[in-house]
Each structure stands twice: as structure tokens, then as C-alpha cells.
């Protein structure tokens, strides 16, 4: 838990400041849907889903666009992941480096899948959107030179996290 706090300690205050703005946007969408004539329960549910989707996107951007101390690009798939798995000096490093990339995109996949539940092939579509978001982030990390390593493994792990979230969202969407 301490490593989790260290990894995200700079992002948490900013994220907490953004929450009231996201709630305001959610309530605005809720009242707009009611004016259109949508049922209150449905409008409220989709407003909540939209708020959590927006919060997950903000969280992803805050964590991934935070300036770092390294810079570079890694385009060979799985090389850095294998290196982290087999050459880490402590057992928490693979969990932190690889696991956080997966976990970071699971909420995005859940809420995007619930949001797009009526579409056919929702899991594939959600995963592709998550992959596109991850590619955009990696390109921005490289183009803006913010001290982050642009890594193809991040795209793979983020897409896998979105896929897992999409499966969970699809299952939850059936129950809603």
C-alpha cells in the first residue's frame, strides 16, 4: 500500500480537485437527459456511468502524463516486460510496473463497456478504444518529452486491462 501511495501521491490531490467538476458535468448531463424526456432512473444511471468514465480517463491522463526522470522509446514488444519479470531485484517491481498498467485501464474498460452496451461487439470495440487511448498517450509522452519512456508494452498491458474491464462491464451491463 505504501508503494501505491508513493506512486500516486502527486496525482491524488489533483484528482480530488477534479471530482467536483466531474460531478457538475454529470448533473448537467442528467438534467439535459430529463429535459429530452428520458426516464429519471435511466438518466441518473447513465449520468453516473458518464461521471465514472470521465474520472477514469482523467485518472489515466494524470498518472501517465505526470513528468518523470527517464526519457526514451521502446518499440520491441515484450522486451521490457520480460526484463522486469526476470531481472527485478524485489518481488514488488513486476507487480508495480506491469500490474499497474493493467489495473489502470480496467475501470475505463468497465465504464466504457457499460456505456456502449447496446452496440454489437461491445468488448472488441471497447478494447480498441482503450488501445487507441493508450497509443495516443504513448505518442504524447514521446512527442512532449516529459521524461517518460514510450513503451509498446504499455500499450499491450493497457489494452489487456481495457479488455478485462470490458468483460466485467459487459457482465454488469447485462444486469443493469
N, C-alpha and C. Protein backbone atom coordinates (compact mmCIF):
# COMPACT_ATOMS: atom_id res chain seq x y z
N UNK A 1 0.82 -1.18 0.00
CA UNK A 1 0.00 0.00 0.00
C UNK A 1 0.87 1.26 0.00
N UNK A 2 2.01 1.17 0.69
CA UNK A 2 2.91 2.31 0.74
C UNK A 2 3.46 2.63 -0.64
N UNK A 3 3.78 1.60 -1.43
CA UNK A 3 4.28 1.84 -2.78
C UNK A 3 3.21 2.45 -3.66
N UNK A 4 1.99 2.03 -3.45
CA UNK A 4 0.88 2.61 -4.20
C UNK A 4 0.74 4.10 -3.89
N UNK A 5 0.86 4.45 -2.61
CA UNK A 5 0.79 5.86 -2.22
C UNK A 5 1.95 6.64 -2.83
N UNK A 6 3.16 6.06 -2.78
CA UNK A 6 4.32 6.76 -3.35
C UNK A 6 4.16 6.98 -4.85
N UNK A 7 3.61 5.99 -5.52
CA UNK A 7 3.46 6.08 -6.97
C UNK A 7 2.44 7.14 -7.38
N UNK A 8 1.40 7.32 -6.58
CA UNK A 8 0.32 8.22 -6.97
C UNK A 8 0.15 9.42 -6.05
N UNK A 9 1.09 9.67 -5.17
CA UNK A 9 0.92 10.75 -4.18
C UNK A 9 0.79 12.13 -4.83
N UNK A 10 1.44 12.35 -5.96
CA UNK A 10 1.35 13.65 -6.62
C UNK A 10 0.03 13.82 -7.37
N UNK A 11 -0.58 12.71 -7.76
CA UNK A 11 -1.79 12.75 -8.58
C UNK A 11 -3.05 12.87 -7.72
N UNK A 12 -3.06 12.28 -6.54
CA UNK A 12 -4.27 12.19 -5.72
C UNK A 12 -4.86 13.56 -5.39
N UNK A 13 -4.09 14.55 -4.93
CA UNK A 13 -4.71 15.86 -4.65
C UNK A 13 -5.34 16.50 -5.88
N UNK A 14 -4.67 16.42 -7.01
CA UNK A 14 -5.22 16.97 -8.25
C UNK A 14 -6.49 16.24 -8.66
N UNK A 15 -6.49 14.93 -8.50
CA UNK A 15 -7.67 14.11 -8.82
C UNK A 15 -8.84 14.51 -7.93
N UNK A 16 -8.59 14.72 -6.66
CA UNK A 16 -9.65 15.12 -5.73
C UNK A 16 -10.21 16.49 -6.08
N UNK A 17 -9.37 17.38 -6.59
CA UNK A 17 -9.83 18.70 -7.01
C UNK A 17 -10.74 18.57 -8.25
N UNK A 18 -10.47 17.61 -9.11
CA UNK A 18 -11.25 17.42 -10.34
C UNK A 18 -12.62 16.79 -10.09
N UNK A 19 -12.79 16.09 -8.98
CA UNK A 19 -14.05 15.38 -8.73
C UNK A 19 -15.26 16.31 -8.72
N UNK A 20 -15.24 17.48 -8.05
CA UNK A 20 -16.43 18.35 -8.11
C UNK A 20 -16.77 18.79 -9.54
N UNK A 21 -15.76 19.05 -10.35
CA UNK A 21 -16.01 19.43 -11.75
C UNK A 21 -16.72 18.29 -12.49
N UNK A 22 -16.27 17.07 -12.28
CA UNK A 22 -16.87 15.92 -12.95
C UNK A 22 -18.31 15.71 -12.46
N UNK A 23 -18.55 15.91 -11.17
CA UNK A 23 -19.91 15.78 -10.64
C UNK A 23 -20.81 16.84 -11.27
N UNK A 24 -20.29 18.05 -11.43
CA UNK A 24 -21.07 19.12 -12.09
C UNK A 24 -21.43 18.72 -13.52
N UNK A 25 -20.48 18.19 -14.25
CA UNK A 25 -20.74 17.75 -15.63
C UNK A 25 -21.78 16.63 -15.63
N UNK A 26 -21.67 15.70 -14.68
CA UNK A 26 -22.63 14.60 -14.59
C UNK A 26 -24.04 15.08 -14.33
N UNK A 27 -24.19 16.02 -13.41
CA UNK A 27 -25.52 16.55 -13.12
C UNK A 27 -26.06 17.35 -14.30
N UNK A 28 -25.19 18.06 -15.01
CA UNK A 28 -25.63 18.78 -16.20
C UNK A 28 -26.18 17.80 -17.23
N UNK A 29 -25.47 16.70 -17.46
CA UNK A 29 -25.94 15.69 -18.42
C UNK A 29 -27.24 15.05 -17.95
N UNK A 30 -27.36 14.84 -16.64
CA UNK A 30 -28.58 14.25 -16.08
C UNK A 30 -29.78 15.13 -16.37
N UNK A 31 -29.68 16.41 -16.07
CA UNK A 31 -30.80 17.32 -16.29
C UNK A 31 -31.09 17.51 -17.77
N UNK A 32 -30.07 17.45 -18.59
CA UNK A 32 -30.28 17.55 -20.04
C UNK A 32 -31.07 16.35 -20.56
N UNK A 33 -30.74 15.16 -20.05
CA UNK A 33 -31.46 13.96 -20.48
C UNK A 33 -32.91 13.98 -20.00
N UNK A 34 -33.16 14.52 -18.81
CA UNK A 34 -34.53 14.61 -18.31
C UNK A 34 -35.35 15.56 -19.18
N UNK A 35 -34.73 16.68 -19.60
CA UNK A 35 -35.44 17.64 -20.45
C UNK A 35 -35.81 17.01 -21.79
N UNK A 36 -34.96 16.12 -22.29
CA UNK A 36 -35.23 15.46 -23.56
C UNK A 36 -36.42 14.50 -23.40
N UNK A 37 -36.67 14.06 -22.17
CA UNK A 37 -37.81 13.18 -21.93
C UNK A 37 -37.42 11.77 -21.51
N UNK A 38 -36.16 11.57 -21.19
CA UNK A 38 -35.72 10.25 -20.76
C UNK A 38 -36.18 10.00 -19.33
N UNK A 39 -36.43 8.75 -19.00
CA UNK A 39 -36.86 8.37 -17.66
C UNK A 39 -35.79 8.77 -16.63
N UNK A 40 -36.23 9.24 -15.45
CA UNK A 40 -35.29 9.74 -14.45
C UNK A 40 -34.29 8.68 -14.01
N UNK A 41 -34.74 7.46 -13.80
CA UNK A 41 -33.85 6.39 -13.33
C UNK A 41 -32.77 6.10 -14.37
N UNK A 42 -33.16 6.00 -15.62
CA UNK A 42 -32.20 5.74 -16.70
C UNK A 42 -31.24 6.91 -16.88
N UNK A 43 -31.77 8.12 -16.83
CA UNK A 43 -30.92 9.30 -16.97
C UNK A 43 -29.91 9.38 -15.84
N UNK A 44 -30.34 9.09 -14.61
CA UNK A 44 -29.45 9.12 -13.47
C UNK A 44 -28.36 8.06 -13.61
N UNK A 45 -28.74 6.85 -14.02
CA UNK A 45 -27.77 5.75 -14.17
C UNK A 45 -26.72 6.10 -15.22
N UNK A 46 -27.14 6.60 -16.37
CA UNK A 46 -26.17 6.94 -17.40
C UNK A 46 -25.32 8.15 -17.03
N UNK A 47 -25.87 9.05 -16.25
CA UNK A 47 -25.07 10.19 -15.78
C UNK A 47 -23.98 9.72 -14.83
N UNK A 48 -24.30 8.79 -13.95
CA UNK A 48 -23.31 8.22 -13.03
C UNK A 48 -22.23 7.48 -13.82
N UNK A 49 -22.65 6.68 -14.81
CA UNK A 49 -21.68 5.96 -15.64
C UNK A 49 -20.77 6.93 -16.37
N UNK A 50 -21.34 7.99 -16.93
CA UNK A 50 -20.53 9.00 -17.62
C UNK A 50 -19.55 9.68 -16.68
N UNK A 51 -19.99 9.96 -15.45
CA UNK A 51 -19.09 10.59 -14.48
C UNK A 51 -17.91 9.66 -14.16
N UNK A 52 -18.18 8.39 -13.92
CA UNK A 52 -17.09 7.46 -13.61
C UNK A 52 -16.18 7.23 -14.82
N UNK A 53 -16.76 7.23 -16.02
CA UNK A 53 -15.94 7.11 -17.23
C UNK A 53 -15.01 8.31 -17.36
N UNK A 54 -15.53 9.49 -17.14
CA UNK A 54 -14.71 10.70 -17.20
C UNK A 54 -13.64 10.70 -16.12
N UNK A 55 -13.99 10.26 -14.90
CA UNK A 55 -13.00 10.17 -13.83
C UNK A 55 -11.90 9.16 -14.16
N UNK A 56 -12.27 8.04 -14.79
CA UNK A 56 -11.24 7.06 -15.15
C UNK A 56 -10.30 7.61 -16.21
N UNK A 57 -10.83 8.35 -17.17
CA UNK A 57 -9.98 8.97 -18.20
C UNK A 57 -9.07 10.02 -17.58
N UNK A 58 -9.63 10.85 -16.69
CA UNK A 58 -8.80 11.85 -16.00
C UNK A 58 -7.71 11.19 -15.18
N UNK A 59 -8.05 10.13 -14.48
CA UNK A 59 -7.05 9.41 -13.68
C UNK A 59 -5.95 8.84 -14.55
N UNK A 60 -6.32 8.25 -15.67
CA UNK A 60 -5.32 7.70 -16.60
C UNK A 60 -4.39 8.81 -17.09
N UNK A 61 -4.98 9.93 -17.51
CA UNK A 61 -4.15 11.02 -18.02
C UNK A 61 -3.25 11.62 -16.95
N UNK A 62 -3.76 11.73 -15.73
CA UNK A 62 -2.94 12.29 -14.65
C UNK A 62 -1.76 11.38 -14.31
N UNK A 63 -2.00 10.08 -14.30
CA UNK A 63 -0.93 9.15 -13.95
C UNK A 63 0.09 9.03 -15.08
N UNK A 64 -0.38 8.97 -16.32
CA UNK A 64 0.54 8.71 -17.43
C UNK A 64 1.23 9.96 -17.96
N UNK A 65 0.67 11.12 -17.74
CA UNK A 65 1.28 12.33 -18.27
C UNK A 65 2.06 13.11 -17.21
N UNK A 66 2.19 12.54 -16.03
CA UNK A 66 2.99 13.15 -14.97
C UNK A 66 4.46 13.10 -15.38
N UNK A 67 5.17 14.22 -15.34
CA UNK A 67 6.58 14.20 -15.76
C UNK A 67 7.42 13.23 -14.93
N UNK A 68 8.36 12.60 -15.59
CA UNK A 68 9.25 11.65 -14.94
C UNK A 68 10.70 12.05 -15.12
N UNK A 69 11.59 11.12 -14.81
CA UNK A 69 13.01 11.44 -14.89
C UNK A 69 13.72 10.69 -16.03
N UNK A 70 13.04 9.73 -16.64
CA UNK A 70 13.63 8.99 -17.74
C UNK A 70 13.02 9.45 -19.05
N UNK A 71 13.68 9.14 -20.13
CA UNK A 71 13.15 9.51 -21.43
C UNK A 71 13.60 8.48 -22.43
N UNK A 72 12.76 8.25 -23.42
CA UNK A 72 13.15 7.31 -24.46
C UNK A 72 11.94 6.65 -25.09
N UNK A 73 12.25 5.67 -25.93
CA UNK A 73 11.21 4.94 -26.64
C UNK A 73 11.61 3.47 -26.71
N UNK A 74 10.64 2.59 -26.55
CA UNK A 74 10.86 1.14 -26.60
C UNK A 74 9.81 0.56 -27.54
N UNK A 75 10.23 0.16 -28.74
CA UNK A 75 9.28 -0.32 -29.75
C UNK A 75 9.28 -1.83 -29.95
N UNK A 76 10.17 -2.55 -29.28
CA UNK A 76 10.20 -4.00 -29.43
C UNK A 76 9.26 -4.61 -28.37
N UNK A 77 8.21 -5.31 -28.82
CA UNK A 77 7.22 -5.81 -27.88
C UNK A 77 7.79 -6.82 -26.88
N UNK A 78 7.35 -6.70 -25.64
CA UNK A 78 7.60 -7.62 -24.53
C UNK A 78 9.03 -7.66 -24.00
N UNK A 79 9.96 -6.95 -24.59
CA UNK A 79 11.34 -6.97 -24.11
C UNK A 79 11.45 -6.40 -22.71
N UNK A 80 10.87 -5.24 -22.50
CA UNK A 80 10.97 -4.62 -21.18
C UNK A 80 10.14 -5.36 -20.14
N UNK A 81 9.02 -5.94 -20.54
CA UNK A 81 8.20 -6.73 -19.60
C UNK A 81 8.94 -7.98 -19.14
N UNK A 82 9.57 -8.67 -20.06
CA UNK A 82 10.35 -9.86 -19.71
C UNK A 82 11.53 -9.47 -18.83
N UNK A 83 12.16 -8.35 -19.16
CA UNK A 83 13.27 -7.86 -18.34
C UNK A 83 12.82 -7.57 -16.91
N UNK A 84 11.67 -6.93 -16.76
CA UNK A 84 11.15 -6.62 -15.43
C UNK A 84 10.80 -7.91 -14.69
N UNK A 85 10.20 -8.86 -15.38
CA UNK A 85 9.81 -10.11 -14.73
C UNK A 85 11.00 -10.91 -14.21
N UNK A 86 12.05 -11.02 -15.02
CA UNK A 86 13.16 -11.91 -14.67
C UNK A 86 14.37 -11.23 -14.04
N UNK A 87 14.47 -9.93 -14.13
CA UNK A 87 15.66 -9.26 -13.60
C UNK A 87 15.37 -8.25 -12.50
N UNK A 88 14.19 -8.32 -11.91
CA UNK A 88 13.85 -7.39 -10.83
C UNK A 88 14.54 -7.80 -9.54
N UNK A 89 14.97 -6.82 -8.79
CA UNK A 89 15.66 -7.10 -7.53
C UNK A 89 14.69 -7.32 -6.38
N UNK A 90 13.44 -6.91 -6.55
CA UNK A 90 12.44 -7.08 -5.50
C UNK A 90 11.16 -7.59 -6.13
N UNK A 91 10.43 -8.42 -5.41
CA UNK A 91 9.24 -9.06 -5.96
C UNK A 91 8.11 -8.07 -6.27
N UNK A 92 8.12 -6.89 -5.68
CA UNK A 92 7.04 -5.93 -5.93
C UNK A 92 7.22 -5.14 -7.23
N UNK A 93 8.40 -5.16 -7.80
CA UNK A 93 8.65 -4.37 -9.01
C UNK A 93 7.78 -4.85 -10.18
N UNK A 94 7.71 -6.16 -10.49
CA UNK A 94 6.82 -6.57 -11.59
C UNK A 94 5.36 -6.23 -11.33
N UNK A 95 4.93 -6.36 -10.08
CA UNK A 95 3.54 -6.02 -9.75
C UNK A 95 3.30 -4.54 -10.00
N UNK A 96 4.23 -3.72 -9.56
CA UNK A 96 4.08 -2.27 -9.70
C UNK A 96 4.18 -1.85 -11.16
N UNK A 97 5.17 -2.34 -11.86
CA UNK A 97 5.41 -1.89 -13.23
C UNK A 97 4.40 -2.49 -14.21
N UNK A 98 4.19 -3.79 -14.13
CA UNK A 98 3.30 -4.45 -15.08
C UNK A 98 1.85 -4.41 -14.62
N UNK A 99 1.64 -4.71 -13.35
CA UNK A 99 0.28 -4.77 -12.83
C UNK A 99 -0.45 -3.45 -12.86
N UNK A 100 0.24 -2.37 -12.53
CA UNK A 100 -0.40 -1.06 -12.53
C UNK A 100 -0.85 -0.66 -13.94
N UNK A 101 -0.09 -1.05 -14.96
CA UNK A 101 -0.50 -0.75 -16.33
C UNK A 101 -1.81 -1.44 -16.69
N UNK A 102 -1.99 -2.65 -16.19
CA UNK A 102 -3.23 -3.38 -16.44
C UNK A 102 -4.36 -2.78 -15.61
N UNK A 103 -4.13 -2.62 -14.32
CA UNK A 103 -5.15 -2.15 -13.39
C UNK A 103 -5.61 -0.73 -13.73
N UNK A 104 -4.73 0.10 -14.22
CA UNK A 104 -5.06 1.48 -14.54
C UNK A 104 -6.19 1.58 -15.56
N UNK A 105 -6.25 0.65 -16.50
CA UNK A 105 -7.24 0.73 -17.57
C UNK A 105 -8.48 -0.12 -17.33
N UNK A 106 -8.53 -0.91 -16.27
CA UNK A 106 -9.72 -1.73 -16.00
C UNK A 106 -10.96 -0.87 -15.77
N UNK A 107 -10.92 0.17 -14.92
CA UNK A 107 -12.13 0.99 -14.75
C UNK A 107 -12.60 1.63 -16.06
N UNK A 108 -11.66 2.09 -16.87
CA UNK A 108 -12.03 2.65 -18.17
C UNK A 108 -12.79 1.61 -18.99
N UNK A 109 -12.29 0.38 -19.04
CA UNK A 109 -12.96 -0.68 -19.79
C UNK A 109 -14.34 -1.00 -19.25
N UNK A 110 -14.48 -1.01 -17.93
CA UNK A 110 -15.78 -1.31 -17.31
C UNK A 110 -16.81 -0.26 -17.71
N UNK A 111 -16.48 1.00 -17.49
CA UNK A 111 -17.47 2.06 -17.72
C UNK A 111 -17.70 2.31 -19.21
N UNK A 112 -16.70 2.14 -20.04
CA UNK A 112 -16.89 2.29 -21.48
C UNK A 112 -17.79 1.17 -22.01
N UNK A 113 -17.60 -0.06 -21.53
CA UNK A 113 -18.43 -1.18 -21.98
C UNK A 113 -19.88 -1.00 -21.53
N UNK A 114 -20.08 -0.54 -20.30
CA UNK A 114 -21.45 -0.30 -19.83
C UNK A 114 -22.08 0.83 -20.65
N UNK A 115 -21.30 1.84 -20.94
CA UNK A 115 -21.79 2.99 -21.72
C UNK A 115 -22.18 2.59 -23.13
N UNK A 116 -21.44 1.66 -23.71
CA UNK A 116 -21.68 1.24 -25.10
C UNK A 116 -22.39 -0.11 -25.17
N UNK A 117 -23.09 -0.50 -24.12
CA UNK A 117 -23.64 -1.85 -24.02
C UNK A 117 -24.57 -2.20 -25.18
N UNK A 118 -25.29 -1.25 -25.70
CA UNK A 118 -26.26 -1.54 -26.76
C UNK A 118 -25.59 -1.82 -28.11
N UNK A 119 -24.34 -1.47 -28.25
CA UNK A 119 -23.62 -1.71 -29.51
C UNK A 119 -23.24 -3.18 -29.65
N UNK A 120 -23.19 -3.67 -30.90
CA UNK A 120 -22.74 -5.04 -31.10
C UNK A 120 -21.22 -5.08 -30.95
N UNK A 121 -20.72 -6.21 -30.51
CA UNK A 121 -19.29 -6.43 -30.28
C UNK A 121 -18.70 -5.38 -29.34
N UNK A 122 -19.38 -5.17 -28.22
CA UNK A 122 -19.00 -4.13 -27.27
C UNK A 122 -17.61 -4.39 -26.68
N UNK A 123 -17.25 -5.64 -26.44
CA UNK A 123 -15.94 -5.94 -25.84
C UNK A 123 -14.82 -5.58 -26.81
N UNK A 124 -14.96 -5.96 -28.07
CA UNK A 124 -13.95 -5.64 -29.07
C UNK A 124 -13.84 -4.14 -29.27
N UNK A 125 -14.97 -3.47 -29.38
CA UNK A 125 -14.98 -2.02 -29.60
C UNK A 125 -14.36 -1.28 -28.42
N UNK A 126 -14.70 -1.69 -27.20
CA UNK A 126 -14.14 -1.06 -26.01
C UNK A 126 -12.63 -1.27 -25.94
N UNK A 127 -12.18 -2.49 -26.25
CA UNK A 127 -10.75 -2.78 -26.23
C UNK A 127 -10.00 -1.94 -27.27
N UNK A 128 -10.57 -1.79 -28.44
CA UNK A 128 -9.94 -0.97 -29.47
C UNK A 128 -9.86 0.51 -29.06
N UNK A 129 -10.91 1.01 -28.40
CA UNK A 129 -10.88 2.39 -27.93
C UNK A 129 -9.82 2.56 -26.85
N UNK A 130 -9.72 1.58 -25.95
CA UNK A 130 -8.67 1.62 -24.92
C UNK A 130 -7.28 1.56 -25.52
N UNK A 131 -7.11 0.75 -26.56
CA UNK A 131 -5.83 0.66 -27.24
C UNK A 131 -5.49 1.99 -27.91
N UNK A 132 -6.47 2.61 -28.53
CA UNK A 132 -6.26 3.90 -29.17
C UNK A 132 -5.88 4.97 -28.14
N UNK A 133 -6.57 4.98 -26.99
CA UNK A 133 -6.22 5.91 -25.93
C UNK A 133 -4.79 5.69 -25.45
N UNK A 134 -4.41 4.44 -25.29
CA UNK A 134 -3.05 4.12 -24.85
C UNK A 134 -2.01 4.54 -25.89
N UNK A 135 -2.29 4.33 -27.15
CA UNK A 135 -1.36 4.74 -28.21
C UNK A 135 -1.21 6.26 -28.22
N UNK A 136 -2.33 6.97 -28.07
CA UNK A 136 -2.27 8.44 -28.01
C UNK A 136 -1.41 8.90 -26.85
N UNK A 137 -1.59 8.27 -25.70
CA UNK A 137 -0.79 8.64 -24.52
C UNK A 137 0.69 8.39 -24.76
N UNK A 138 1.04 7.24 -25.33
CA UNK A 138 2.45 6.93 -25.57
C UNK A 138 3.06 7.88 -26.59
N UNK A 139 2.31 8.24 -27.63
CA UNK A 139 2.81 9.20 -28.62
C UNK A 139 3.02 10.57 -27.96
N UNK A 140 2.07 10.98 -27.12
CA UNK A 140 2.21 12.26 -26.43
C UNK A 140 3.40 12.25 -25.47
N UNK A 141 3.61 11.13 -24.78
CA UNK A 141 4.76 11.04 -23.88
C UNK A 141 6.06 11.24 -24.65
N UNK A 142 6.14 10.68 -25.84
CA UNK A 142 7.35 10.82 -26.65
C UNK A 142 7.44 12.24 -27.25
N UNK A 143 6.32 12.72 -27.82
CA UNK A 143 6.34 14.00 -28.52
C UNK A 143 6.55 15.18 -27.58
N UNK A 144 5.98 15.10 -26.39
CA UNK A 144 6.10 16.22 -25.44
C UNK A 144 7.39 16.18 -24.63
N UNK A 145 8.12 15.07 -24.71
CA UNK A 145 9.39 14.90 -23.99
C UNK A 145 9.25 15.28 -22.52
N UNK A 146 8.31 14.61 -21.84
CA UNK A 146 8.03 14.93 -20.44
C UNK A 146 8.82 14.04 -19.48
N UNK A 147 9.80 13.34 -20.00
CA UNK A 147 10.62 12.50 -19.14
C UNK A 147 10.02 11.14 -18.89
N UNK A 148 9.25 10.64 -19.83
CA UNK A 148 8.63 9.32 -19.72
C UNK A 148 9.11 8.45 -20.87
N UNK A 149 9.19 7.15 -20.63
CA UNK A 149 9.57 6.21 -21.68
C UNK A 149 8.32 5.76 -22.40
N UNK A 150 8.27 5.99 -23.71
CA UNK A 150 7.16 5.50 -24.53
C UNK A 150 7.45 4.04 -24.85
N UNK A 151 6.55 3.16 -24.41
CA UNK A 151 6.83 1.74 -24.47
C UNK A 151 5.65 0.99 -25.09
N UNK A 152 5.92 0.17 -26.07
CA UNK A 152 4.89 -0.63 -26.71
C UNK A 152 4.27 -1.61 -25.72
N UNK A 153 5.03 -2.04 -24.72
CA UNK A 153 4.50 -2.93 -23.70
C UNK A 153 3.38 -2.26 -22.90
N UNK A 154 3.49 -0.96 -22.70
CA UNK A 154 2.42 -0.23 -22.01
C UNK A 154 1.12 -0.31 -22.81
N UNK A 155 1.22 -0.18 -24.12
CA UNK A 155 0.03 -0.28 -24.98
C UNK A 155 -0.58 -1.68 -24.85
N UNK A 156 0.26 -2.70 -24.88
CA UNK A 156 -0.23 -4.08 -24.76
C UNK A 156 -0.90 -4.30 -23.40
N UNK A 157 -0.24 -3.89 -22.32
CA UNK A 157 -0.79 -4.09 -20.98
C UNK A 157 -2.04 -3.24 -20.75
N UNK A 158 -2.04 -2.01 -21.22
CA UNK A 158 -3.22 -1.16 -21.09
C UNK A 158 -4.40 -1.73 -21.87
N UNK A 159 -4.14 -2.24 -23.06
CA UNK A 159 -5.20 -2.86 -23.86
C UNK A 159 -5.75 -4.10 -23.17
N UNK A 160 -4.88 -4.88 -22.55
CA UNK A 160 -5.32 -6.05 -21.81
C UNK A 160 -6.19 -5.63 -20.62
N UNK A 161 -5.79 -4.58 -19.92
CA UNK A 161 -6.60 -4.06 -18.82
C UNK A 161 -7.96 -3.59 -19.30
N UNK A 162 -8.00 -2.91 -20.45
CA UNK A 162 -9.27 -2.47 -21.02
C UNK A 162 -10.13 -3.68 -21.39
N UNK A 163 -9.50 -4.71 -21.94
CA UNK A 163 -10.22 -5.94 -22.30
C UNK A 163 -10.85 -6.59 -21.06
N UNK A 164 -10.06 -6.69 -19.98
CA UNK A 164 -10.61 -7.26 -18.73
C UNK A 164 -11.76 -6.41 -18.21
N UNK A 165 -11.58 -5.10 -18.23
CA UNK A 165 -12.65 -4.20 -17.81
C UNK A 165 -13.87 -4.31 -18.68
N UNK A 166 -13.69 -4.48 -20.00
CA UNK A 166 -14.81 -4.61 -20.92
C UNK A 166 -15.61 -5.88 -20.62
N UNK A 167 -14.93 -6.96 -20.29
CA UNK A 167 -15.63 -8.19 -19.92
C UNK A 167 -16.47 -7.96 -18.66
N UNK A 168 -15.87 -7.33 -17.66
CA UNK A 168 -16.60 -7.03 -16.42
C UNK A 168 -17.77 -6.10 -16.72
N UNK A 169 -17.54 -5.07 -17.53
CA UNK A 169 -18.60 -4.14 -17.89
C UNK A 169 -19.72 -4.81 -18.67
N UNK A 170 -19.38 -5.73 -19.54
CA UNK A 170 -20.39 -6.46 -20.30
C UNK A 170 -21.26 -7.29 -19.37
N UNK A 171 -20.64 -7.95 -18.42
CA UNK A 171 -21.39 -8.76 -17.44
C UNK A 171 -22.28 -7.86 -16.59
N UNK A 172 -21.73 -6.73 -16.12
CA UNK A 172 -22.54 -5.79 -15.33
C UNK A 172 -23.65 -5.16 -16.16
N UNK A 173 -23.37 -4.89 -17.42
CA UNK A 173 -24.36 -4.30 -18.30
C UNK A 173 -25.58 -5.18 -18.51
N UNK A 174 -25.38 -6.48 -18.48
CA UNK A 174 -26.50 -7.41 -18.60
C UNK A 174 -27.42 -7.32 -17.39
N UNK A 175 -26.86 -6.98 -16.25
CA UNK A 175 -27.65 -6.92 -15.01
C UNK A 175 -28.34 -5.57 -14.80
N UNK A 176 -27.89 -4.57 -15.52
CA UNK A 176 -28.48 -3.23 -15.33
C UNK A 176 -29.74 -3.10 -16.14
